[in-house]
Amino acid sequence: MLRYTLMRLGIFVACLVVVWGLVYAGLFPSALGDSNGMWIVLLALVISAPISFVALRKERDRASVQVVHRVDRMKANLDANRSQEDAEDDAAARTPARGQTS
């Protein structure tokens, strides 16, 4: 999962550098007033998203498999804890309390 995130961040940074260079060179229009930095970041996000979607497909699939395994393991642990608590509750219900006779 960390690998996918770092790869995605790397693609964004590369797009950010390219867009900044193109805006600085005058090939892309600069934004209105003082919003030039925001314009560059927004444009880099818009460009990097489809690139990441296509280029990182296999890595995204690997990350999703890891997430599914982690969620399944957590569900199994919760089920085991619930069944253990149920067994303890059943045992406590069958055992008479101190001072009581059955």
PDB file of N, CA and C in Angstrom:
ATOM      1  N   MET A   1       0.817  -1.182   0.000  1.00  0.00           N
ATOM      2  CA  MET A   1       0.000   0.000   0.000  1.00  0.00           C
ATOM      3  C   MET A   1       0.869   1.258   0.000  1.00  0.00           C
ATOM      4  N   LEU A   2       1.924   1.238   0.792  1.00  0.00           N
ATOM      5  CA  LEU A   2       2.835   2.373   0.840  1.00  0.00           C
ATOM      6  C   LEU A   2       3.522   2.564  -0.508  1.00  0.00           C
ATOM      7  N   ARG A   3       3.855   1.452  -1.147  1.00  0.00           N
ATOM      8  CA  ARG A   3       4.510   1.523  -2.456  1.00  0.00           C
ATOM      9  C   ARG A   3       3.604   2.219  -3.473  1.00  0.00           C
ATOM     10  N   TYR A   4       2.331   1.853  -3.494  1.00  0.00           N
ATOM     11  CA  TYR A   4       1.377   2.469  -4.412  1.00  0.00           C
ATOM     12  C   TYR A   4       1.251   3.961  -4.130  1.00  0.00           C
ATOM     13  N   THR A   5       1.164   4.320  -2.869  1.00  0.00           N
ATOM     14  CA  THR A   5       1.031   5.725  -2.498  1.00  0.00           C
ATOM     15  C   THR A   5       2.254   6.524  -2.929  1.00  0.00           C
ATOM     16  N   LEU A   6       3.439   5.962  -2.713  1.00  0.00           N
ATOM     17  CA  LEU A   6       4.658   6.663  -3.118  1.00  0.00           C
ATOM     18  C   LEU A   6       4.765   6.780  -4.633  1.00  0.00           C
ATOM     19  N   MET A   7       4.348   5.741  -5.350  1.00  0.00           N
ATOM     20  CA  MET A   7       4.370   5.807  -6.811  1.00  0.00           C
ATOM     21  C   MET A   7       3.384   6.864  -7.311  1.00  0.00           C
ATOM     22  N   ARG A   8       2.243   6.930  -6.705  1.00  0.00           N
ATOM     23  CA  ARG A   8       1.236   7.928  -7.092  1.00  0.00           C
ATOM     24  C   ARG A   8       1.748   9.334  -6.798  1.00  0.00           C
ATOM     25  N   LEU A   9       2.378   9.507  -5.654  1.00  0.00           N
ATOM     26  CA  LEU A   9       2.958  10.795  -5.302  1.00  0.00           C
ATOM     27  C   LEU A   9       4.073  11.176  -6.277  1.00  0.00           C
ATOM     28  N   GLY A  10       4.868  10.199  -6.690  1.00  0.00           N
ATOM     29  CA  GLY A  10       5.932  10.457  -7.653  1.00  0.00           C
ATOM     30  C   GLY A  10       5.391  10.927  -8.994  1.00  0.00           C
ATOM     31  N   ILE A  11       4.311  10.313  -9.450  1.00  0.00           N
ATOM     32  CA  ILE A  11       3.694  10.743 -10.708  1.00  0.00           C
ATOM     33  C   ILE A  11       3.163  12.165 -10.573  1.00  0.00           C
ATOM     34  N   PHE A  12       2.551  12.475  -9.436  1.00  0.00           N
ATOM     35  CA  PHE A  12       2.039  13.830  -9.224  1.00  0.00           C
ATOM     36  C   PHE A  12       3.183  14.841  -9.225  1.00  0.00           C
ATOM     37  N   VAL A  13       4.263  14.547  -8.526  1.00  0.00           N
ATOM     38  CA  VAL A  13       5.395  15.480  -8.459  1.00  0.00           C
ATOM     39  C   VAL A  13       5.995  15.678  -9.852  1.00  0.00           C
ATOM     40  N   ALA A  14       6.110  14.603 -10.622  1.00  0.00           N
ATOM     41  CA  ALA A  14       6.634  14.732 -11.983  1.00  0.00           C
ATOM     42  C   ALA A  14       5.721  15.628 -12.829  1.00  0.00           C
ATOM     43  N   CYS A  15       4.419  15.429 -12.713  1.00  0.00           N
ATOM     44  CA  CYS A  15       3.473  16.273 -13.452  1.00  0.00           C
ATOM     45  C   CYS A  15       3.553  17.724 -12.976  1.00  0.00           C
ATOM     46  N   LEU A  16       3.730  17.899 -11.677  1.00  0.00           N
ATOM     47  CA  LEU A  16       3.844  19.244 -11.126  1.00  0.00           C
ATOM     48  C   LEU A  16       5.059  19.964 -11.701  1.00  0.00           C
ATOM     49  N   VAL A  17       6.182  19.282 -11.787  1.00  0.00           N
ATOM     50  CA  VAL A  17       7.397  19.887 -12.338  1.00  0.00           C
ATOM     51  C   VAL A  17       7.207  20.223 -13.813  1.00  0.00           C
ATOM     52  N   VAL A  18       6.601  19.304 -14.565  1.00  0.00           N
ATOM     53  CA  VAL A  18       6.383  19.544 -15.996  1.00  0.00           C
ATOM     54  C   VAL A  18       5.431  20.714 -16.207  1.00  0.00           C
ATOM     55  N   VAL A  19       4.317  20.739 -15.470  1.00  0.00           N
ATOM     56  CA  VAL A  19       3.349  21.832 -15.620  1.00  0.00           C
ATOM     57  C   VAL A  19       3.984  23.155 -15.210  1.00  0.00           C
ATOM     58  N   TRP A  20       4.732  23.162 -14.114  1.00  0.00           N
ATOM     59  CA  TRP A  20       5.392  24.390 -13.687  1.00  0.00           C
ATOM     60  C   TRP A  20       6.341  24.881 -14.771  1.00  0.00           C
ATOM     61  N   GLY A  21       7.090  23.968 -15.364  1.00  0.00           N
ATOM     62  CA  GLY A  21       8.004  24.350 -16.443  1.00  0.00           C
ATOM     63  C   GLY A  21       7.270  24.910 -17.655  1.00  0.00           C
ATOM     64  N   LEU A  22       6.153  24.311 -18.004  1.00  0.00           N
ATOM     65  CA  LEU A  22       5.389  24.794 -19.155  1.00  0.00           C
ATOM     66  C   LEU A  22       4.740  26.147 -18.883  1.00  0.00           C
ATOM     67  N   VAL A  23       4.273  26.368 -17.653  1.00  0.00           N
ATOM     68  CA  VAL A  23       3.707  27.674 -17.300  1.00  0.00           C
ATOM     69  C   VAL A  23       4.808  28.722 -17.262  1.00  0.00           C
ATOM     70  N   TYR A  24       5.946  28.358 -16.704  1.00  0.00           N
ATOM     71  CA  TYR A  24       7.075  29.288 -16.615  1.00  0.00           C
ATOM     72  C   TYR A  24       7.573  29.668 -18.009  1.00  0.00           C
ATOM     73  N   ALA A  25       7.560  28.697 -18.937  1.00  0.00           N
ATOM     74  CA  ALA A  25       8.003  28.947 -20.311  1.00  0.00           C
ATOM     75  C   ALA A  25       6.948  29.694 -21.123  1.00  0.00           C
ATOM     76  N   GLY A  26       5.741  29.786 -20.607  1.00  0.00           N
ATOM     77  CA  GLY A  26       4.690  30.507 -21.304  1.00  0.00           C
ATOM     78  C   GLY A  26       3.873  29.646 -22.240  1.00  0.00           C
ATOM     79  N   LEU A  27       4.091  28.330 -22.232  1.00  0.00           N
ATOM     80  CA  LEU A  27       3.328  27.442 -23.104  1.00  0.00           C
ATOM     81  C   LEU A  27       1.942  27.152 -22.556  1.00  0.00           C
ATOM     82  N   PHE A  28       1.802  27.154 -21.240  1.00  0.00           N
ATOM     83  CA  PHE A  28       0.494  27.039 -20.593  1.00  0.00           C
ATOM     84  C   PHE A  28       0.154  28.413 -20.034  1.00  0.00           C
ATOM     85  N   PRO A  29      -1.108  28.789 -20.037  1.00  0.00           N
ATOM     86  CA  PRO A  29      -1.464  30.113 -19.505  1.00  0.00           C
ATOM     87  C   PRO A  29      -1.290  30.154 -17.988  1.00  0.00           C
ATOM     88  N   SER A  30      -0.870  31.298 -17.503  1.00  0.00           N
ATOM     89  CA  SER A  30      -0.812  31.474 -16.051  1.00  0.00           C
ATOM     90  C   SER A  30      -2.202  31.856 -15.569  1.00  0.00           C
ATOM     91  N   ALA A  31      -2.441  31.675 -14.308  1.00  0.00           N
ATOM     92  CA  ALA A  31      -3.783  31.896 -13.750  1.00  0.00           C
ATOM     93  C   ALA A  31      -4.017  33.380 -13.496  1.00  0.00           C
ATOM     94  N   LEU A  32      -5.190  33.674 -12.969  1.00  0.00           N
ATOM     95  CA  LEU A  32      -5.563  35.050 -12.679  1.00  0.00           C
ATOM     96  C   LEU A  32      -4.934  35.528 -11.379  1.00  0.00           C
ATOM     97  N   GLY A  33      -4.359  36.663 -11.378  1.00  0.00           N
ATOM     98  CA  GLY A  33      -3.845  37.284 -10.162  1.00  0.00           C
ATOM     99  C   GLY A  33      -2.792  36.464  -9.451  1.00  0.00           C
ATOM    100  N   ASP A  34      -3.006  36.270  -8.143  1.00  0.00           N
ATOM    101  CA  ASP A  34      -2.043  35.554  -7.307  1.00  0.00           C
ATOM    102  C   ASP A  34      -2.309  34.057  -7.230  1.00  0.00           C
ATOM    103  N   SER A  35      -3.206  33.538  -8.021  1.00  0.00           N
ATOM    104  CA  SER A  35      -3.569  32.121  -7.917  1.00  0.00           C
ATOM    105  C   SER A  35      -2.731  31.222  -8.820  1.00  0.00           C
ATOM    106  N   ASN A  36      -1.598  31.671  -9.274  1.00  0.00           N
ATOM    107  CA  ASN A  36      -0.779  30.895 -10.190  1.00  0.00           C
ATOM    108  C   ASN A  36      -0.331  29.569  -9.571  1.00  0.00           C
ATOM    109  N   GLY A  37       0.058  29.584  -8.297  1.00  0.00           N
ATOM    110  CA  GLY A  37       0.489  28.347  -7.642  1.00  0.00           C
ATOM    111  C   GLY A  37      -0.632  27.332  -7.551  1.00  0.00           C
ATOM    112  N   MET A  38      -1.821  27.802  -7.211  1.00  0.00           N
ATOM    113  CA  MET A  38      -2.972  26.909  -7.125  1.00  0.00           C
ATOM    114  C   MET A  38      -3.321  26.352  -8.508  1.00  0.00           C
ATOM    115  N   TRP A  39      -3.214  27.172  -9.518  1.00  0.00           N
ATOM    116  CA  TRP A  39      -3.480  26.745 -10.892  1.00  0.00           C
ATOM    117  C   TRP A  39      -2.522  25.620 -11.293  1.00  0.00           C
ATOM    118  N   ILE A  40      -1.257  25.771 -10.977  1.00  0.00           N
ATOM    119  CA  ILE A  40      -0.262  24.759 -11.335  1.00  0.00           C
ATOM    120  C   ILE A  40      -0.556  23.452 -10.608  1.00  0.00           C
ATOM    121  N   VAL A  41      -0.871  23.522  -9.318  1.00  0.00           N
ATOM    122  CA  VAL A  41      -1.168  22.311  -8.542  1.00  0.00           C
ATOM    123  C   VAL A  41      -2.432  21.635  -9.066  1.00  0.00           C
ATOM    124  N   LEU A  42      -3.460  22.406  -9.334  1.00  0.00           N
ATOM    125  CA  LEU A  42      -4.710  21.846  -9.843  1.00  0.00           C
ATOM    126  C   LEU A  42      -4.512  21.191 -11.203  1.00  0.00           C
ATOM    127  N   LEU A  43      -3.792  21.843 -12.071  1.00  0.00           N
ATOM    128  CA  LEU A  43      -3.525  21.278 -13.393  1.00  0.00           C
ATOM    129  C   LEU A  43      -2.692  19.999 -13.290  1.00  0.00           C
ATOM    130  N   ALA A  44      -1.725  19.981 -12.384  1.00  0.00           N
ATOM    131  CA  ALA A  44      -0.914  18.779 -12.174  1.00  0.00           C
ATOM    132  C   ALA A  44      -1.772  17.633 -11.641  1.00  0.00           C
ATOM    133  N   LEU A  45      -2.712  17.928 -10.743  1.00  0.00           N
ATOM    134  CA  LEU A  45      -3.619  16.889 -10.237  1.00  0.00           C
ATOM    135  C   LEU A  45      -4.487  16.322 -11.353  1.00  0.00           C
ATOM    136  N   VAL A  46      -5.023  17.201 -12.186  1.00  0.00           N
ATOM    137  CA  VAL A  46      -5.901  16.760 -13.277  1.00  0.00           C
ATOM    138  C   VAL A  46      -5.130  15.913 -14.286  1.00  0.00           C
ATOM    139  N   ILE A  47      -3.892  16.242 -14.535  1.00  0.00           N
ATOM    140  CA  ILE A  47      -3.091  15.473 -15.492  1.00  0.00           C
ATOM    141  C   ILE A  47      -2.601  14.169 -14.875  1.00  0.00           C
ATOM    142  N   SER A  48      -2.210  14.192 -13.603  1.00  0.00           N
ATOM    143  CA  SER A  48      -1.630  12.998 -12.983  1.00  0.00           C
ATOM    144  C   SER A  48      -2.669  11.919 -12.680  1.00  0.00           C
ATOM    145  N   ALA A  49      -3.925  12.295 -12.477  1.00  0.00           N
ATOM    146  CA  ALA A  49      -4.950  11.306 -12.120  1.00  0.00           C
ATOM    147  C   ALA A  49      -5.138  10.235 -13.200  1.00  0.00           C
ATOM    148  N   PRO A  50      -5.366  10.588 -14.471  1.00  0.00           N
ATOM    149  CA  PRO A  50      -5.521   9.524 -15.467  1.00  0.00           C
ATOM    150  C   PRO A  50      -4.226   8.758 -15.731  1.00  0.00           C
ATOM    151  N   ILE A  51      -3.096   9.447 -15.606  1.00  0.00           N
ATOM    152  CA  ILE A  51      -1.817   8.743 -15.781  1.00  0.00           C
ATOM    153  C   ILE A  51      -1.660   7.690 -14.688  1.00  0.00           C
ATOM    154  N   SER A  52      -1.953   8.056 -13.442  1.00  0.00           N
ATOM    155  CA  SER A  52      -1.865   7.101 -12.333  1.00  0.00           C
ATOM    156  C   SER A  52      -2.858   5.960 -12.512  1.00  0.00           C
ATOM    157  N   PHE A  53      -4.045   6.286 -12.971  1.00  0.00           N
ATOM    158  CA  PHE A  53      -5.075   5.266 -13.157  1.00  0.00           C
ATOM    159  C   PHE A  53      -4.616   4.202 -14.144  1.00  0.00           C
ATOM    160  N   VAL A  54      -3.981   4.603 -15.214  1.00  0.00           N
ATOM    161  CA  VAL A  54      -3.541   3.650 -16.240  1.00  0.00           C
ATOM    162  C   VAL A  54      -2.217   3.004 -15.864  1.00  0.00           C
ATOM    163  N   ALA A  55      -1.245   3.810 -15.454  1.00  0.00           N
ATOM    164  CA  ALA A  55       0.107   3.307 -15.222  1.00  0.00           C
ATOM    165  C   ALA A  55       0.225   2.442 -13.969  1.00  0.00           C
ATOM    166  N   LEU A  56      -0.615   2.671 -12.978  1.00  0.00           N
ATOM    167  CA  LEU A  56      -0.485   1.957 -11.700  1.00  0.00           C
ATOM    168  C   LEU A  56      -1.583   0.922 -11.495  1.00  0.00           C
ATOM    169  N   ARG A  57      -2.168   0.438 -12.566  1.00  0.00           N
ATOM    170  CA  ARG A  57      -3.272  -0.521 -12.452  1.00  0.00           C
ATOM    171  C   ARG A  57      -2.853  -1.780 -11.691  1.00  0.00           C
ATOM    172  N   LYS A  58      -1.713  -2.370 -12.058  1.00  0.00           N
ATOM    173  CA  LYS A  58      -1.274  -3.607 -11.387  1.00  0.00           C
ATOM    174  C   LYS A  58      -0.949  -3.357  -9.914  1.00  0.00           C
ATOM    175  N   GLU A  59      -0.296  -2.248  -9.650  1.00  0.00           N
ATOM    176  CA  GLU A  59       0.055  -1.929  -8.264  1.00  0.00           C
ATOM    177  C   GLU A  59      -1.199  -1.653  -7.439  1.00  0.00           C
ATOM    178  N   ARG A  60      -2.195  -1.008  -8.032  1.00  0.00           N
ATOM    179  CA  ARG A  60      -3.455  -0.747  -7.340  1.00  0.00           C
ATOM    180  C   ARG A  60      -4.175  -2.059  -7.034  1.00  0.00           C
ATOM    181  N   ASP A  61      -4.134  -3.006  -7.965  1.00  0.00           N
ATOM    182  CA  ASP A  61      -4.745  -4.313  -7.723  1.00  0.00           C
ATOM    183  C   ASP A  61      -4.045  -5.049  -6.580  1.00  0.00           C
ATOM    184  N   ARG A  62      -2.719  -4.963  -6.549  1.00  0.00           N
ATOM    185  CA  ARG A  62      -1.973  -5.599  -5.446  1.00  0.00           C
ATOM    186  C   ARG A  62      -2.338  -4.959  -4.108  1.00  0.00           C
ATOM    187  N   ALA A  63      -2.432  -3.660  -4.091  1.00  0.00           N
ATOM    188  CA  ALA A  63      -2.781  -2.950  -2.853  1.00  0.00           C
ATOM    189  C   ALA A  63      -4.187  -3.310  -2.404  1.00  0.00           C
ATOM    190  N   SER A  64      -5.112  -3.437  -3.342  1.00  0.00           N
ATOM    191  CA  SER A  64      -6.486  -3.778  -2.956  1.00  0.00           C
ATOM    192  C   SER A  64      -6.565  -5.203  -2.412  1.00  0.00           C
ATOM    193  N   VAL A  65      -5.760  -6.116  -2.943  1.00  0.00           N
ATOM    194  CA  VAL A  65      -5.728  -7.477  -2.410  1.00  0.00           C
ATOM    195  C   VAL A  65      -5.215  -7.459  -0.970  1.00  0.00           C
ATOM    196  N   GLN A  66      -4.202  -6.650  -0.706  1.00  0.00           N
ATOM    197  CA  GLN A  66      -3.686  -6.536   0.665  1.00  0.00           C
ATOM    198  C   GLN A  66      -4.746  -5.979   1.604  1.00  0.00           C
ATOM    199  N   VAL A  67      -5.494  -5.006   1.147  1.00  0.00           N
ATOM    200  CA  VAL A  67      -6.544  -4.420   1.986  1.00  0.00           C
ATOM    201  C   VAL A  67      -7.628  -5.456   2.261  1.00  0.00           C
ATOM    202  N   VAL A  68      -8.012  -6.221   1.251  1.00  0.00           N
ATOM    203  CA  VAL A  68      -9.041  -7.252   1.431  1.00  0.00           C
ATOM    204  C   VAL A  68      -8.569  -8.298   2.437  1.00  0.00           C
ATOM    205  N   HIS A  69      -7.311  -8.731   2.328  1.00  0.00           N
ATOM    206  CA  HIS A  69      -6.782  -9.715   3.288  1.00  0.00           C
ATOM    207  C   HIS A  69      -6.788  -9.145   4.707  1.00  0.00           C
ATOM    208  N   ARG A  70      -6.402  -7.891   4.847  1.00  0.00           N
ATOM    209  CA  ARG A  70      -6.368  -7.269   6.170  1.00  0.00           C
ATOM    210  C   ARG A  70      -7.777  -7.180   6.764  1.00  0.00           C
ATOM    211  N   VAL A  71      -8.754  -6.803   5.949  1.00  0.00           N
ATOM    212  CA  VAL A  71     -10.134  -6.704   6.427  1.00  0.00           C
ATOM    213  C   VAL A  71     -10.670  -8.083   6.796  1.00  0.00           C
ATOM    214  N   ASP A  72     -10.391  -9.096   5.976  1.00  0.00           N
ATOM    215  CA  ASP A  72     -10.838 -10.456   6.292  1.00  0.00           C
ATOM    216  C   ASP A  72     -10.227 -10.951   7.596  1.00  0.00           C
ATOM    217  N   ARG A  73      -8.942 -10.657   7.814  1.00  0.00           N
ATOM    218  CA  ARG A  73      -8.276 -11.066   9.049  1.00  0.00           C
ATOM    219  C   ARG A  73      -8.907 -10.369  10.258  1.00  0.00           C
ATOM    220  N   MET A  74      -9.228  -9.081  10.102  1.00  0.00           N
ATOM    221  CA  MET A  74      -9.857  -8.351  11.210  1.00  0.00           C
ATOM    222  C   MET A  74     -11.252  -8.895  11.497  1.00  0.00           C
ATOM    223  N   LYS A  75     -12.005  -9.247  10.451  1.00  0.00           N
ATOM    224  CA  LYS A  75     -13.333  -9.833  10.651  1.00  0.00           C
ATOM    225  C   LYS A  75     -13.230 -11.177  11.358  1.00  0.00           C
ATOM    226  N   ALA A  76     -12.236 -11.992  10.986  1.00  0.00           N
ATOM    227  CA  ALA A  76     -12.051 -13.285  11.639  1.00  0.00           C
ATOM    228  C   ALA A  76     -11.701 -13.102  13.111  1.00  0.00           C
ATOM    229  N   ASN A  77     -10.862 -12.121  13.408  1.00  0.00           N
ATOM    230  CA  ASN A  77     -10.514 -11.851  14.808  1.00  0.00           C
ATOM    231  C   ASN A  77     -11.727 -11.388  15.603  1.00  0.00           C
ATOM    232  N   LEU A  78     -12.550 -10.541  15.008  1.00  0.00           N
ATOM    233  CA  LEU A  78     -13.764 -10.092  15.696  1.00  0.00           C
ATOM    234  C   LEU A  78     -14.727 -11.253  15.940  1.00  0.00           C
ATOM    235  N   ASP A  79     -14.884 -12.114  14.942  1.00  0.00           N
ATOM    236  CA  ASP A  79     -15.760 -13.279  15.109  1.00  0.00           C
ATOM    237  C   ASP A  79     -15.239 -14.208  16.200  1.00  0.00           C
ATOM    238  N   ALA A  80     -13.911 -14.391  16.245  1.00  0.00           N
ATOM    239  CA  ALA A  80     -13.327 -15.243  17.282  1.00  0.00           C
ATOM    240  C   ALA A  80     -13.556 -14.628  18.664  1.00  0.00           C
ATOM    241  N   ASN A  81     -13.411 -13.336  18.780  1.00  0.00           N
ATOM    242  CA  ASN A  81     -13.647 -12.672  20.069  1.00  0.00           C
ATOM    243  C   ASN A  81     -15.110 -12.778  20.484  1.00  0.00           C
ATOM    244  N   ARG A  82     -16.008 -12.619  19.512  1.00  0.00           N
ATOM    245  CA  ARG A  82     -17.438 -12.729  19.831  1.00  0.00           C
ATOM    246  C   ARG A  82     -17.785 -14.140  20.296  1.00  0.00           C
ATOM    247  N   SER A  83     -17.273 -15.135  19.600  1.00  0.00           N
ATOM    248  CA  SER A  83     -17.594 -16.508  19.990  1.00  0.00           C
ATOM    249  C   SER A  83     -16.984 -16.840  21.350  1.00  0.00           C
ATOM    250  N   GLN A  84     -15.804 -16.295  21.646  1.00  0.00           N
ATOM    251  CA  GLN A  84     -15.185 -16.517  22.948  1.00  0.00           C
ATOM    252  C   GLN A  84     -16.025 -15.849  24.046  1.00  0.00           C
ATOM    253  N   GLU A  85     -16.505 -14.641  23.788  1.00  0.00           N
ATOM    254  CA  GLU A  85     -17.355 -13.962  24.774  1.00  0.00           C
ATOM    255  C   GLU A  85     -18.667 -14.702  24.963  1.00  0.00           C
ATOM    256  N   ASP A  86     -19.248 -15.210  23.872  1.00  0.00           N
ATOM    257  CA  ASP A  86     -20.493 -15.967  23.971  1.00  0.00           C
ATOM    258  C   ASP A  86     -20.293 -17.231  24.801  1.00  0.00           C
ATOM    259  N   ALA A  87     -19.158 -17.907  24.601  1.00  0.00           N
ATOM    260  CA  ALA A  87     -18.881 -19.119  25.358  1.00  0.00           C
ATOM    261  C   ALA A  87     -18.719 -18.796  26.844  1.00  0.00           C
ATOM    262  N   GLU A  88     -18.058 -17.683  27.145  1.00  0.00           N
ATOM    263  CA  GLU A  88     -17.887 -17.283  28.545  1.00  0.00           C
ATOM    264  C   GLU A  88     -19.229 -16.912  29.166  1.00  0.00           C
ATOM    265  N   ASP A  89     -20.078 -16.218  28.408  1.00  0.00           N
ATOM    266  CA  ASP A  89     -21.405 -15.856  28.918  1.00  0.00           C
ATOM    267  C   ASP A  89     -22.249 -17.098  29.176  1.00  0.00           C
ATOM    268  N   ASP A  90     -22.172 -18.070  28.260  1.00  0.00           N
ATOM    269  CA  ASP A  90     -22.927 -19.315  28.438  1.00  0.00           C
ATOM    270  C   ASP A  90     -22.429 -20.083  29.654  1.00  0.00           C
ATOM    271  N   ALA A  91     -21.112 -20.126  29.855  1.00  0.00           N
ATOM    272  CA  ALA A  91     -20.550 -20.826  31.008  1.00  0.00           C
ATOM    273  C   ALA A  91     -20.945 -20.130  32.302  1.00  0.00           C
ATOM    274  N   ALA A  92     -20.955 -18.810  32.291  1.00  0.00           N
ATOM    275  CA  ALA A  92     -21.345 -18.058  33.488  1.00  0.00           C
ATOM    276  C   ALA A  92     -22.821 -18.259  33.792  1.00  0.00           C
ATOM    277  N   ALA A  93     -23.630 -18.380  32.776  1.00  0.00           N
ATOM    278  CA  ALA A  93     -25.067 -18.579  32.986  1.00  0.00           C
ATOM    279  C   ALA A  93     -25.343 -19.969  33.543  1.00  0.00           C
ATOM    280  N   ARG A  94     -24.541 -20.958  33.182  1.00  0.00           N
ATOM    281  CA  ARG A  94     -24.746 -22.324  33.677  1.00  0.00           C
ATOM    282  C   ARG A  94     -24.220 -22.508  35.089  1.00  0.00           C
ATOM    283  N   THR A  95     -23.256 -21.706  35.506  1.00  0.00           N
ATOM    284  CA  THR A  95     -22.671 -21.830  36.831  1.00  0.00           C
ATOM    285  C   THR A  95     -23.499 -20.984  37.800  1.00  0.00           C
ATOM    286  N   PRO A  96     -23.999 -21.609  38.888  1.00  0.00           N
ATOM    287  CA  PRO A  96     -24.794 -20.820  39.844  1.00  0.00           C
ATOM    288  C   PRO A  96     -23.906 -19.822  40.571  1.00  0.00           C
ATOM    289  N   ALA A  97     -24.481 -18.704  40.927  1.00  0.00           N
ATOM    290  CA  ALA A  97     -23.743 -17.671  41.657  1.00  0.00           C
ATOM    291  C   ALA A  97     -23.470 -18.146  43.077  1.00  0.00           C
ATOM    292  N   ARG A  98     -22.489 -17.569  43.730  1.00  0.00           N
ATOM    293  CA  ARG A  98     -22.132 -17.953  45.086  1.00  0.00           C
ATOM    294  C   ARG A  98     -23.292 -17.668  46.030  1.00  0.00           C
ATOM    295  N   GLY A  99     -23.532 -18.581  46.881  1.00  0.00           N
ATOM    296  CA  GLY A  99     -24.584 -18.406  47.876  1.00  0.00           C
ATOM    297  C   GLY A  99     -25.940 -18.829  47.362  1.00  0.00           C
ATOM    298  N   GLN A 100     -26.057 -19.210  46.110  1.00  0.00           N
ATOM    299  CA  GLN A 100     -27.342 -19.660  45.585  1.00  0.00           C
ATOM    300  C   GLN A 100     -27.293 -21.153  45.401  1.00  0.00           C
ATOM    301  N   THR A 101     -28.412 -21.767  45.600  1.00  0.00           N
ATOM    302  CA  THR A 101     -28.509 -23.215  45.383  1.00  0.00           C
ATOM    303  C   THR A 101     -29.451 -23.434  44.216  1.00  0.00           C
ATOM    304  N   SER A 102     -29.173 -24.502  43.490  1.00  0.00           N
ATOM    305  CA  SER A 102     -30.025 -24.788  42.339  1.00  0.00           C
ATOM    306  C   SER A 102     -31.107 -25.735  42.671  1.00  0.00           C
TER     307      SER A 102
END
